[in-house]
Amino acid sequence: MHFIDAKGILTGNNGMCGMNIYRGCTHGCIYCDSRSLCYHFTHPFEDIEVKQNAPELLEKALKSKRKKCMIGTGAMSDPYMHCEEQLQLTRRCLEIIRQYGFGVAIQTKSDRILRDIDLLDEINQSAKCVVQITLTTYDDDLCKVIEPNVCNTKRRIEVLEQMQSRGIPTVVWLTPILPFINDTAENITAILNECIRVGVKGIISFGMGLTLREGDREYYYEALDKHFPGIKERYIKQYGNAYELPSLNAKELMGLFHKICKDNGVLSTPDECFRFMSELPNKYTQMSIFDL
């Protein structure tokens, strides 16, 4: 990893502001869109760029805000990668979010988030916290192949359970679903049943499939050749160089998804989930004169 002094840390200014403390990732997920060339990495993806001044930038930004909001993190780079164990920049930023009374919507695949569960609980009690976990396959052997350097699905479900036990709302990202690999009714049903069991608030799906673009596609196809011989050729025949690669079973799987969510009162559209995550209760949004 290497360290930089960033010029800024927050993006956006309405409802939810985004924050990425790290750039790159060591989880090794074979489908990761963040590898795409459009993000203009000038260093190897696994050579993590660390915004070492992130806490100072965050505190300065939150001090200057006249209206409190949700702070989102984890969309582009997981805030609980291996380096977070030593650096603890995510934790320091969470402490600042708590100190200034903002909310947080944090997304990860890692059980390292449990280290900060007390802090997340405090944020949820004083403002709002939403923990987002990505689940792609119920088969832990398959999980080790497609998401090799991060905890398996069963462990992530335990994370959801522990958040639920604290009253911290959770949202699951059911994406991506890989054609010819995990796009089965059995897989989707197993994941959804666990989501219902542990009481998730919402589940995000953009359709059953994945997206590939330059940079990401080459890495993914290399992994297919290594772990799933013959599948790459099926992709090329079916999809060519398309950006969107919907499962051939997408209609059936989405019908199953919406039915299970509707039957159990779970938010099931991206708009519903994002609206829930970006809303900070009114009593917390307006700063008092003592905060200025």
C-alpha atoms as a PDB file:
ATOM      1  CA  MET A   1       0.000   0.000   0.000  1.00  0.00           C
ATOM      2  CA  HIS A   2       0.994   3.621  -0.380  1.00  0.00           C
ATOM      3  CA  PHE A   3      -0.105   6.821   1.324  1.00  0.00           C
ATOM      4  CA  ILE A   4      -1.341  10.122  -0.064  1.00  0.00           C
ATOM      5  CA  ASP A   5      -2.711  13.376   1.286  1.00  0.00           C
ATOM      6  CA  ALA A   6      -6.078  13.790  -0.388  1.00  0.00           C
ATOM      7  CA  LYS A   7      -7.534  17.197  -1.241  1.00  0.00           C
ATOM      8  CA  GLY A   8     -11.062  16.242  -0.237  1.00  0.00           C
ATOM      9  CA  ILE A   9     -13.006  13.320   1.246  1.00  0.00           C
ATOM     10  CA  LEU A  10     -16.751  13.917   0.730  1.00  0.00           C
ATOM     11  CA  THR A  11     -18.708  13.924  -2.527  1.00  0.00           C
ATOM     12  CA  GLY A  12     -22.333  14.972  -2.995  1.00  0.00           C
ATOM     13  CA  ASN A  13     -24.324  17.342  -0.847  1.00  0.00           C
ATOM     14  CA  ASN A  14     -27.957  16.223  -0.786  1.00  0.00           C
ATOM     15  CA  GLY A  15     -29.330  13.504   1.473  1.00  0.00           C
ATOM     16  CA  MET A  16     -26.170  11.419   1.513  1.00  0.00           C
ATOM     17  CA  CYS A  17     -22.522  12.330   1.052  1.00  0.00           C
ATOM     18  CA  GLY A  18     -20.084   9.698  -0.182  1.00  0.00           C
ATOM     19  CA  MET A  19     -16.666   8.939   1.297  1.00  0.00           C
ATOM     20  CA  ASN A  20     -13.900   6.573   0.220  1.00  0.00           C
ATOM     21  CA  ILE A  21     -10.908   6.267   2.544  1.00  0.00           C
ATOM     22  CA  TYR A  22      -9.073   3.679   0.449  1.00  0.00           C
ATOM     23  CA  ARG A  23      -8.624   3.116  -3.274  1.00  0.00           C
ATOM     24  CA  GLY A  24      -8.147  -0.397  -4.614  1.00  0.00           C
ATOM     25  CA  CYS A  25      -8.912  -3.635  -2.799  1.00  0.00           C
ATOM     26  CA  THR A  26      -7.293  -6.829  -1.517  1.00  0.00           C
ATOM     27  CA  HIS A  27     -10.419  -9.003  -1.357  1.00  0.00           C
ATOM     28  CA  GLY A  28      -9.743 -10.417  -4.806  1.00  0.00           C
ATOM     29  CA  CYS A  29     -13.361 -10.745  -6.020  1.00  0.00           C
ATOM     30  CA  ILE A  30     -13.140 -11.974  -9.584  1.00  0.00           C
ATOM     31  CA  TYR A  31     -15.953  -9.730 -10.870  1.00  0.00           C
ATOM     32  CA  CYS A  32     -14.963  -6.406  -9.268  1.00  0.00           C
ATOM     33  CA  ASP A  33     -16.129  -3.455 -11.377  1.00  0.00           C
ATOM     34  CA  SER A  34     -13.709  -1.122  -9.598  1.00  0.00           C
ATOM     35  CA  ARG A  35     -10.895  -2.682 -11.648  1.00  0.00           C
ATOM     36  CA  SER A  36     -12.347  -1.118 -14.785  1.00  0.00           C
ATOM     37  CA  LEU A  37     -10.039   1.196 -16.706  1.00  0.00           C
ATOM     38  CA  CYS A  38     -12.597   4.010 -16.564  1.00  0.00           C
ATOM     39  CA  TYR A  39     -11.573   4.633 -12.933  1.00  0.00           C
ATOM     40  CA  HIS A  40      -8.060   5.564 -14.095  1.00  0.00           C
ATOM     41  CA  PHE A  41      -5.934   3.642 -11.627  1.00  0.00           C
ATOM     42  CA  THR A  42      -2.282   4.612 -11.948  1.00  0.00           C
ATOM     43  CA  HIS A  43      -1.119   1.844  -9.620  1.00  0.00           C
ATOM     44  CA  PRO A  44      -1.820  -1.905  -9.283  1.00  0.00           C
ATOM     45  CA  PHE A  45      -5.310  -2.522  -7.915  1.00  0.00           C
ATOM     46  CA  GLU A  46      -3.989  -4.469  -4.912  1.00  0.00           C
ATOM     47  CA  ASP A  47      -1.520  -1.697  -4.039  1.00  0.00           C
ATOM     48  CA  ILE A  48      -3.983   0.128  -1.813  1.00  0.00           C
ATOM     49  CA  GLU A  49      -3.971   3.900  -1.969  1.00  0.00           C
ATOM     50  CA  VAL A  50      -4.545   5.182   1.557  1.00  0.00           C
ATOM     51  CA  LYS A  51      -5.939   8.654   2.133  1.00  0.00           C
ATOM     52  CA  GLN A  52      -3.977   9.112   5.320  1.00  0.00           C
ATOM     53  CA  ASN A  53      -5.519  12.500   6.085  1.00  0.00           C
ATOM     54  CA  ALA A  54      -9.106  11.246   5.687  1.00  0.00           C
ATOM     55  CA  PRO A  55     -10.090  11.800   9.349  1.00  0.00           C
ATOM     56  CA  GLU A  56      -8.820  15.392   9.326  1.00  0.00           C
ATOM     57  CA  LEU A  57     -10.593  16.120   6.040  1.00  0.00           C
ATOM     58  CA  LEU A  58     -13.805  14.551   7.314  1.00  0.00           C
ATOM     59  CA  GLU A  59     -13.798  16.544  10.531  1.00  0.00           C
ATOM     60  CA  LYS A  60     -13.233  19.772   8.624  1.00  0.00           C
ATOM     61  CA  ALA A  61     -16.076  18.920   6.216  1.00  0.00           C
ATOM     62  CA  LEU A  62     -18.569  17.981   8.935  1.00  0.00           C
ATOM     63  CA  LYS A  63     -17.763  21.088  10.964  1.00  0.00           C
ATOM     64  CA  SER A  64     -18.691  23.242   7.977  1.00  0.00           C
ATOM     65  CA  LYS A  65     -22.033  21.556   7.238  1.00  0.00           C
ATOM     66  CA  ARG A  66     -25.081  23.440   8.457  1.00  0.00           C
ATOM     67  CA  LYS A  67     -27.382  20.448   7.962  1.00  0.00           C
ATOM     68  CA  LYS A  68     -26.650  16.930   9.137  1.00  0.00           C
ATOM     69  CA  CYS A  69     -26.987  14.029   6.733  1.00  0.00           C
ATOM     70  CA  MET A  70     -26.024  10.432   6.124  1.00  0.00           C
ATOM     71  CA  ILE A  71     -22.411   9.655   5.217  1.00  0.00           C
ATOM     72  CA  GLY A  72     -22.086   6.701   2.853  1.00  0.00           C
ATOM     73  CA  THR A  73     -18.915   4.672   2.457  1.00  0.00           C
ATOM     74  CA  GLY A  74     -17.894   1.414   0.800  1.00  0.00           C
ATOM     75  CA  ALA A  75     -19.356   1.880  -2.679  1.00  0.00           C
ATOM     76  CA  MET A  76     -16.006   1.943  -4.509  1.00  0.00           C
ATOM     77  CA  SER A  77     -13.592   0.443  -1.995  1.00  0.00           C
ATOM     78  CA  ASP A  78     -14.327  -1.753   1.005  1.00  0.00           C
ATOM     79  CA  PRO A  79     -13.689   0.170   4.246  1.00  0.00           C
ATOM     80  CA  TYR A  80     -12.759  -3.061   6.044  1.00  0.00           C
ATOM     81  CA  MET A  81      -9.953  -4.427   3.896  1.00  0.00           C
ATOM     82  CA  HIS A  82      -6.976  -6.138   5.519  1.00  0.00           C
ATOM     83  CA  CYS A  83      -5.052  -2.872   5.994  1.00  0.00           C
ATOM     84  CA  GLU A  84      -7.846  -1.432   8.148  1.00  0.00           C
ATOM     85  CA  GLU A  85      -6.805  -3.797  10.959  1.00  0.00           C
ATOM     86  CA  GLN A  86      -3.627  -1.772  11.489  1.00  0.00           C
ATOM     87  CA  LEU A  87      -4.534   1.654  10.097  1.00  0.00           C
ATOM     88  CA  GLN A  88      -7.988   2.008  11.700  1.00  0.00           C
ATOM     89  CA  LEU A  89      -8.862   4.966   9.477  1.00  0.00           C
ATOM     90  CA  THR A  90     -12.421   3.729   9.054  1.00  0.00           C
ATOM     91  CA  ARG A  91     -12.823   3.578  12.808  1.00  0.00           C
ATOM     92  CA  ARG A  92     -11.420   7.074  13.267  1.00  0.00           C
ATOM     93  CA  CYS A  93     -13.841   8.410  10.655  1.00  0.00           C
ATOM     94  CA  LEU A  94     -16.747   6.660  12.383  1.00  0.00           C
ATOM     95  CA  GLU A  95     -15.716   8.278  15.655  1.00  0.00           C
ATOM     96  CA  ILE A  96     -15.846  11.689  13.965  1.00  0.00           C
ATOM     97  CA  ILE A  97     -19.261  10.914  12.446  1.00  0.00           C
ATOM     98  CA  ARG A  98     -20.510  10.006  15.923  1.00  0.00           C
ATOM     99  CA  GLN A  99     -18.920  13.093  17.487  1.00  0.00           C
ATOM    100  CA  TYR A 100     -20.680  15.477  15.095  1.00  0.00           C
ATOM    101  CA  GLY A 101     -24.032  13.676  15.141  1.00  0.00           C
ATOM    102  CA  PHE A 102     -24.176  12.523  11.519  1.00  0.00           C
ATOM    103  CA  GLY A 103     -25.540   9.193  10.294  1.00  0.00           C
ATOM    104  CA  VAL A 104     -23.668   6.522   8.355  1.00  0.00           C
ATOM    105  CA  ALA A 105     -24.509   3.950   5.698  1.00  0.00           C
ATOM    106  CA  ILE A 106     -21.536   1.599   5.457  1.00  0.00           C
ATOM    107  CA  GLN A 107     -21.043  -1.204   2.926  1.00  0.00           C
ATOM    108  CA  THR A 108     -18.661  -4.171   3.254  1.00  0.00           C
ATOM    109  CA  LYS A 109     -18.117  -7.868   2.644  1.00  0.00           C
ATOM    110  CA  SER A 110     -15.911  -8.248   5.705  1.00  0.00           C
ATOM    111  CA  ASP A 111     -16.611  -9.421   9.246  1.00  0.00           C
ATOM    112  CA  ARG A 112     -13.976  -6.913  10.397  1.00  0.00           C
ATOM    113  CA  ILE A 113     -16.900  -4.536  10.759  1.00  0.00           C
ATOM    114  CA  LEU A 114     -17.786  -6.373  13.986  1.00  0.00           C
ATOM    115  CA  ARG A 115     -14.777  -4.715  15.600  1.00  0.00           C
ATOM    116  CA  ASP A 116     -16.720  -1.452  15.421  1.00  0.00           C
ATOM    117  CA  ILE A 117     -20.194  -2.744  16.310  1.00  0.00           C
ATOM    118  CA  ASP A 118     -20.301  -0.775  19.583  1.00  0.00           C
ATOM    119  CA  LEU A 119     -19.457   2.419  17.699  1.00  0.00           C
ATOM    120  CA  LEU A 120     -22.015   1.692  14.990  1.00  0.00           C
ATOM    121  CA  ASP A 121     -24.588   1.040  17.702  1.00  0.00           C
ATOM    122  CA  GLU A 122     -23.856   4.430  19.274  1.00  0.00           C
ATOM    123  CA  ILE A 123     -24.229   6.167  15.895  1.00  0.00           C
ATOM    124  CA  ASN A 124     -27.523   4.371  15.319  1.00  0.00           C
ATOM    125  CA  GLN A 125     -28.828   5.480  18.700  1.00  0.00           C
ATOM    126  CA  SER A 126     -27.773   9.111  18.314  1.00  0.00           C
ATOM    127  CA  ALA A 127     -28.552   9.478  14.588  1.00  0.00           C
ATOM    128  CA  LYS A 128     -28.812   6.500  12.201  1.00  0.00           C
ATOM    129  CA  CYS A 129     -26.614   3.657  10.995  1.00  0.00           C
ATOM    130  CA  VAL A 130     -27.308   1.256   8.146  1.00  0.00           C
ATOM    131  CA  VAL A 131     -24.953  -1.674   7.551  1.00  0.00           C
ATOM    132  CA  GLN A 132     -24.870  -3.060   4.021  1.00  0.00           C
ATOM    133  CA  ILE A 133     -23.504  -6.525   3.263  1.00  0.00           C
ATOM    134  CA  THR A 134     -22.957  -8.083  -0.166  1.00  0.00           C
ATOM    135  CA  LEU A 135     -24.132 -11.671  -0.662  1.00  0.00           C
ATOM    136  CA  THR A 136     -23.695 -13.439  -3.995  1.00  0.00           C
ATOM    137  CA  THR A 137     -23.640 -17.180  -3.378  1.00  0.00           C
ATOM    138  CA  TYR A 138     -24.908 -19.432  -0.608  1.00  0.00           C
ATOM    139  CA  ASP A 139     -22.294 -22.066  -1.511  1.00  0.00           C
ATOM    140  CA  ASP A 140     -19.235 -21.349   0.625  1.00  0.00           C
ATOM    141  CA  ASP A 141     -16.959 -23.412  -1.617  1.00  0.00           C
ATOM    142  CA  LEU A 142     -17.992 -21.267  -4.566  1.00  0.00           C
ATOM    143  CA  CYS A 143     -17.621 -18.155  -2.417  1.00  0.00           C
ATOM    144  CA  LYS A 144     -13.956 -19.024  -1.809  1.00  0.00           C
ATOM    145  CA  VAL A 145     -13.423 -19.045  -5.579  1.00  0.00           C
ATOM    146  CA  ILE A 146     -15.230 -15.864  -6.595  1.00  0.00           C
ATOM    147  CA  GLU A 147     -14.477 -13.854  -3.423  1.00  0.00           C
ATOM    148  CA  PRO A 148     -11.257 -15.501  -2.242  1.00  0.00           C
ATOM    149  CA  ASN A 149      -9.745 -13.123   0.311  1.00  0.00           C
ATOM    150  CA  VAL A 150     -12.776 -12.206   2.413  1.00  0.00           C
ATOM    151  CA  CYS A 151     -15.027 -14.028   4.877  1.00  0.00           C
ATOM    152  CA  ASN A 152     -17.565 -16.453   3.454  1.00  0.00           C
ATOM    153  CA  THR A 153     -21.305 -16.038   3.081  1.00  0.00           C
ATOM    154  CA  LYS A 154     -22.224 -17.856   6.300  1.00  0.00           C
ATOM    155  CA  ARG A 155     -19.992 -15.496   8.264  1.00  0.00           C
ATOM    156  CA  ARG A 156     -21.514 -12.452   6.577  1.00  0.00           C
ATOM    157  CA  ILE A 157     -24.946 -13.711   7.578  1.00  0.00           C
ATOM    158  CA  GLU A 158     -23.669 -13.905  11.156  1.00  0.00           C
ATOM    159  CA  VAL A 159     -22.651 -10.256  10.817  1.00  0.00           C
ATOM    160  CA  LEU A 160     -26.202  -9.408   9.754  1.00  0.00           C
ATOM    161  CA  GLU A 161     -27.540 -11.309  12.764  1.00  0.00           C
ATOM    162  CA  GLN A 162     -25.296  -9.458  15.163  1.00  0.00           C
ATOM    163  CA  MET A 163     -26.293  -6.101  13.721  1.00  0.00           C
ATOM    164  CA  GLN A 164     -29.943  -7.073  14.022  1.00  0.00           C
ATOM    165  CA  SER A 165     -29.421  -8.009  17.677  1.00  0.00           C
ATOM    166  CA  ARG A 166     -28.314  -4.393  18.282  1.00  0.00           C
ATOM    167  CA  GLY A 167     -31.233  -2.941  16.365  1.00  0.00           C
ATOM    168  CA  ILE A 168     -28.961  -1.706  13.571  1.00  0.00           C
ATOM    169  CA  PRO A 169     -30.862  -1.899  10.265  1.00  0.00           C
ATOM    170  CA  THR A 170     -29.240  -3.869   7.454  1.00  0.00           C
ATOM    171  CA  VAL A 171     -29.448  -3.898   3.671  1.00  0.00           C
ATOM    172  CA  VAL A 172     -28.137  -6.730   1.487  1.00  0.00           C
ATOM    173  CA  TRP A 173     -26.657  -6.253  -1.974  1.00  0.00           C
ATOM    174  CA  LEU A 174     -27.664  -9.314  -4.001  1.00  0.00           C
ATOM    175  CA  THR A 175     -25.237  -8.615  -6.783  1.00  0.00           C
ATOM    176  CA  PRO A 176     -23.616  -9.670  -8.999  1.00  0.00           C
ATOM    177  CA  ILE A 177     -25.269 -12.890 -10.050  1.00  0.00           C
ATOM    178  CA  LEU A 178     -22.910 -14.601 -12.488  1.00  0.00           C
ATOM    179  CA  PRO A 179     -24.432 -16.270 -15.550  1.00  0.00           C
ATOM    180  CA  PHE A 180     -23.808 -20.039 -15.727  1.00  0.00           C
ATOM    181  CA  ILE A 181     -22.257 -19.973 -12.227  1.00  0.00           C
ATOM    182  CA  ASN A 182     -24.591 -18.870  -9.409  1.00  0.00           C
ATOM    183  CA  ASP A 183     -27.724 -17.832 -11.321  1.00  0.00           C
ATOM    184  CA  THR A 184     -29.973 -20.585  -9.991  1.00  0.00           C
ATOM    185  CA  ALA A 185     -33.290 -20.515  -8.150  1.00  0.00           C
ATOM    186  CA  GLU A 186     -31.713 -22.691  -5.466  1.00  0.00           C
ATOM    187  CA  ASN A 187     -28.979 -20.140  -4.778  1.00  0.00           C
ATOM    188  CA  ILE A 188     -31.260 -17.098  -4.820  1.00  0.00           C
ATOM    189  CA  THR A 189     -33.871 -18.780  -2.603  1.00  0.00           C
ATOM    190  CA  ALA A 190     -31.260 -19.853  -0.047  1.00  0.00           C
ATOM    191  CA  ILE A 191     -29.826 -16.348   0.232  1.00  0.00           C
ATOM    192  CA  LEU A 192     -33.244 -14.698   0.435  1.00  0.00           C
ATOM    193  CA  ASN A 193     -34.453 -17.125   3.100  1.00  0.00           C
ATOM    194  CA  GLU A 194     -31.456 -16.217   5.248  1.00  0.00           C
ATOM    195  CA  CYS A 195     -32.106 -12.519   4.682  1.00  0.00           C
ATOM    196  CA  ILE A 196     -35.673 -12.966   5.867  1.00  0.00           C
ATOM    197  CA  ARG A 197     -34.570 -15.035   8.855  1.00  0.00           C
ATOM    198  CA  VAL A 198     -32.144 -12.387  10.113  1.00  0.00           C
ATOM    199  CA  GLY A 199     -34.549  -9.520   9.496  1.00  0.00           C
ATOM    200  CA  VAL A 200     -32.884  -7.387   6.834  1.00  0.00           C
ATOM    201  CA  LYS A 201     -34.628  -4.109   6.010  1.00  0.00           C
ATOM    202  CA  GLY A 202     -34.013  -4.196   2.277  1.00  0.00           C
ATOM    203  CA  ILE A 203     -32.321  -6.113  -0.536  1.00  0.00           C
ATOM    204  CA  ILE A 204     -30.786  -4.416  -3.564  1.00  0.00           C
ATOM    205  CA  SER A 205     -30.799  -6.130  -6.942  1.00  0.00           C
ATOM    206  CA  PHE A 206     -30.257  -4.417 -10.273  1.00  0.00           C
ATOM    207  CA  GLY A 207     -31.406  -7.510 -12.151  1.00  0.00           C
ATOM    208  CA  MET A 208     -29.868 -10.951 -12.145  1.00  0.00           C
ATOM    209  CA  GLY A 209     -26.556 -10.674 -13.969  1.00  0.00           C
ATOM    210  CA  LEU A 210     -23.364  -8.650 -13.929  1.00  0.00           C
ATOM    211  CA  THR A 211     -21.624  -5.872 -15.813  1.00  0.00           C
ATOM    212  CA  LEU A 212     -18.224  -6.040 -17.497  1.00  0.00           C
ATOM    213  CA  ARG A 213     -16.113  -3.357 -19.069  1.00  0.00           C
ATOM    214  CA  GLU A 214     -12.514  -2.920 -20.136  1.00  0.00           C
ATOM    215  CA  GLY A 215     -10.117  -3.887 -17.389  1.00  0.00           C
ATOM    216  CA  ASP A 216     -12.729  -5.727 -15.365  1.00  0.00           C
ATOM    217  CA  ARG A 217     -13.623  -8.056 -18.266  1.00  0.00           C
ATOM    218  CA  GLU A 218     -10.061  -9.257 -18.826  1.00  0.00           C
ATOM    219  CA  TYR A 219      -9.536 -10.033 -15.143  1.00  0.00           C
ATOM    220  CA  TYR A 220     -12.866 -11.852 -14.930  1.00  0.00           C
ATOM    221  CA  TYR A 221     -12.232 -13.929 -18.032  1.00  0.00           C
ATOM    222  CA  GLU A 222      -8.810 -14.927 -16.745  1.00  0.00           C
ATOM    223  CA  ALA A 223     -10.479 -16.166 -13.555  1.00  0.00           C
ATOM    224  CA  LEU A 224     -13.090 -18.069 -15.574  1.00  0.00           C
ATOM    225  CA  ASP A 225     -10.356 -19.865 -17.512  1.00  0.00           C
ATOM    226  CA  LYS A 226      -8.664 -20.803 -14.237  1.00  0.00           C
ATOM    227  CA  HIS A 227     -11.676 -21.927 -12.226  1.00  0.00           C
ATOM    228  CA  PHE A 228     -14.488 -22.618 -14.721  1.00  0.00           C
ATOM    229  CA  PRO A 229     -13.016 -24.086 -17.924  1.00  0.00           C
ATOM    230  CA  GLY A 230     -15.223 -23.530 -20.959  1.00  0.00           C
ATOM    231  CA  ILE A 231     -17.434 -20.869 -19.367  1.00  0.00           C
ATOM    232  CA  LYS A 232     -15.585 -17.931 -20.939  1.00  0.00           C
ATOM    233  CA  GLU A 233     -16.438 -19.223 -24.387  1.00  0.00           C
ATOM    234  CA  ARG A 234     -20.115 -19.378 -23.409  1.00  0.00           C
ATOM    235  CA  TYR A 235     -19.923 -15.744 -22.277  1.00  0.00           C
ATOM    236  CA  ILE A 236     -18.325 -14.596 -25.513  1.00  0.00           C
ATOM    237  CA  LYS A 237     -20.899 -16.463 -27.603  1.00  0.00           C
ATOM    238  CA  GLN A 238     -23.858 -15.203 -25.573  1.00  0.00           C
ATOM    239  CA  TYR A 239     -22.815 -11.632 -24.797  1.00  0.00           C
ATOM    240  CA  GLY A 240     -19.904 -10.582 -27.008  1.00  0.00           C
ATOM    241  CA  ASN A 241     -18.413  -7.408 -25.508  1.00  0.00           C
ATOM    242  CA  ALA A 242     -21.670  -6.167 -23.957  1.00  0.00           C
ATOM    243  CA  TYR A 243     -21.561  -4.090 -20.782  1.00  0.00           C
ATOM    244  CA  GLU A 244     -24.687  -5.686 -19.291  1.00  0.00           C
ATOM    245  CA  LEU A 245     -24.735  -9.477 -19.059  1.00  0.00           C
ATOM    246  CA  PRO A 246     -28.158 -10.596 -17.802  1.00  0.00           C
ATOM    247  CA  SER A 247     -28.622 -14.184 -16.712  1.00  0.00           C
ATOM    248  CA  LEU A 248     -30.663 -16.298 -19.085  1.00  0.00           C
ATOM    249  CA  ASN A 249     -32.760 -17.029 -15.994  1.00  0.00           C
ATOM    250  CA  ALA A 250     -33.177 -13.357 -15.073  1.00  0.00           C
ATOM    251  CA  LYS A 251     -36.956 -13.152 -15.493  1.00  0.00           C
ATOM    252  CA  GLU A 252     -37.582 -16.225 -13.346  1.00  0.00           C
ATOM    253  CA  LEU A 253     -35.088 -15.164 -10.678  1.00  0.00           C
ATOM    254  CA  MET A 254     -36.383 -11.600 -10.448  1.00  0.00           C
ATOM    255  CA  GLY A 255     -39.930 -12.915 -10.101  1.00  0.00           C
ATOM    256  CA  LEU A 256     -38.766 -15.131  -7.256  1.00  0.00           C
ATOM    257  CA  PHE A 257     -36.886 -12.232  -5.683  1.00  0.00           C
ATOM    258  CA  HIS A 258     -39.820  -9.823  -5.724  1.00  0.00           C
ATOM    259  CA  LYS A 259     -42.294 -12.419  -4.455  1.00  0.00           C
ATOM    260  CA  ILE A 260     -40.203 -13.408  -1.441  1.00  0.00           C
ATOM    261  CA  CYS A 261     -39.480  -9.773  -0.571  1.00  0.00           C
ATOM    262  CA  LYS A 262     -43.118  -8.729  -0.947  1.00  0.00           C
ATOM    263  CA  ASP A 263     -44.393 -11.680   1.096  1.00  0.00           C
ATOM    264  CA  ASN A 264     -42.046 -10.699   3.933  1.00  0.00           C
ATOM    265  CA  GLY A 265     -42.276  -6.923   3.859  1.00  0.00           C
ATOM    266  CA  VAL A 266     -38.697  -6.348   2.720  1.00  0.00           C
ATOM    267  CA  LEU A 267     -37.750  -3.322   0.601  1.00  0.00           C
ATOM    268  CA  SER A 268     -36.920  -4.718  -2.830  1.00  0.00           C
ATOM    269  CA  THR A 269     -36.233  -1.911  -5.293  1.00  0.00           C
ATOM    270  CA  PRO A 270     -33.017   0.098  -5.428  1.00  0.00           C
ATOM    271  CA  ASP A 271     -34.993   3.340  -5.100  1.00  0.00           C
ATOM    272  CA  GLU A 272     -36.701   2.156  -1.906  1.00  0.00           C
ATOM    273  CA  CYS A 273     -33.428   0.985  -0.393  1.00  0.00           C
ATOM    274  CA  PHE A 274     -31.464   4.102  -1.317  1.00  0.00           C
ATOM    275  CA  ARG A 275     -34.255   6.336  -0.030  1.00  0.00           C
ATOM    276  CA  PHE A 276     -34.217   4.504   3.302  1.00  0.00           C
ATOM    277  CA  MET A 277     -30.434   4.717   3.565  1.00  0.00           C
ATOM    278  CA  SER A 278     -30.278   8.424   2.712  1.00  0.00           C
ATOM    279  CA  GLU A 279     -33.005   9.537   5.118  1.00  0.00           C
ATOM    280  CA  LEU A 280     -31.843  10.872   8.456  1.00  0.00           C
ATOM    281  CA  PRO A 281     -34.684  11.307  10.998  1.00  0.00           C
ATOM    282  CA  ASN A 282     -35.852  14.913  11.056  1.00  0.00           C
ATOM    283  CA  LYS A 283     -34.916  15.487  14.671  1.00  0.00           C
ATOM    284  CA  TYR A 284     -31.254  14.950  13.764  1.00  0.00           C
ATOM    285  CA  THR A 285     -30.986  16.847  10.485  1.00  0.00           C
ATOM    286  CA  GLN A 286     -30.969  20.424  11.756  1.00  0.00           C
ATOM    287  CA  MET A 287     -27.930  21.471  13.751  1.00  0.00           C
ATOM    288  CA  SER A 288     -28.500  23.522  16.863  1.00  0.00           C
ATOM    289  CA  ILE A 289     -26.874  26.920  17.350  1.00  0.00           C
ATOM    290  CA  PHE A 290     -24.373  25.226  19.647  1.00  0.00           C
ATOM    291  CA  ASP A 291     -23.053  23.151  16.701  1.00  0.00           C
ATOM    292  CA  LEU A 292     -22.148  26.169  14.632  1.00  0.00           C
END
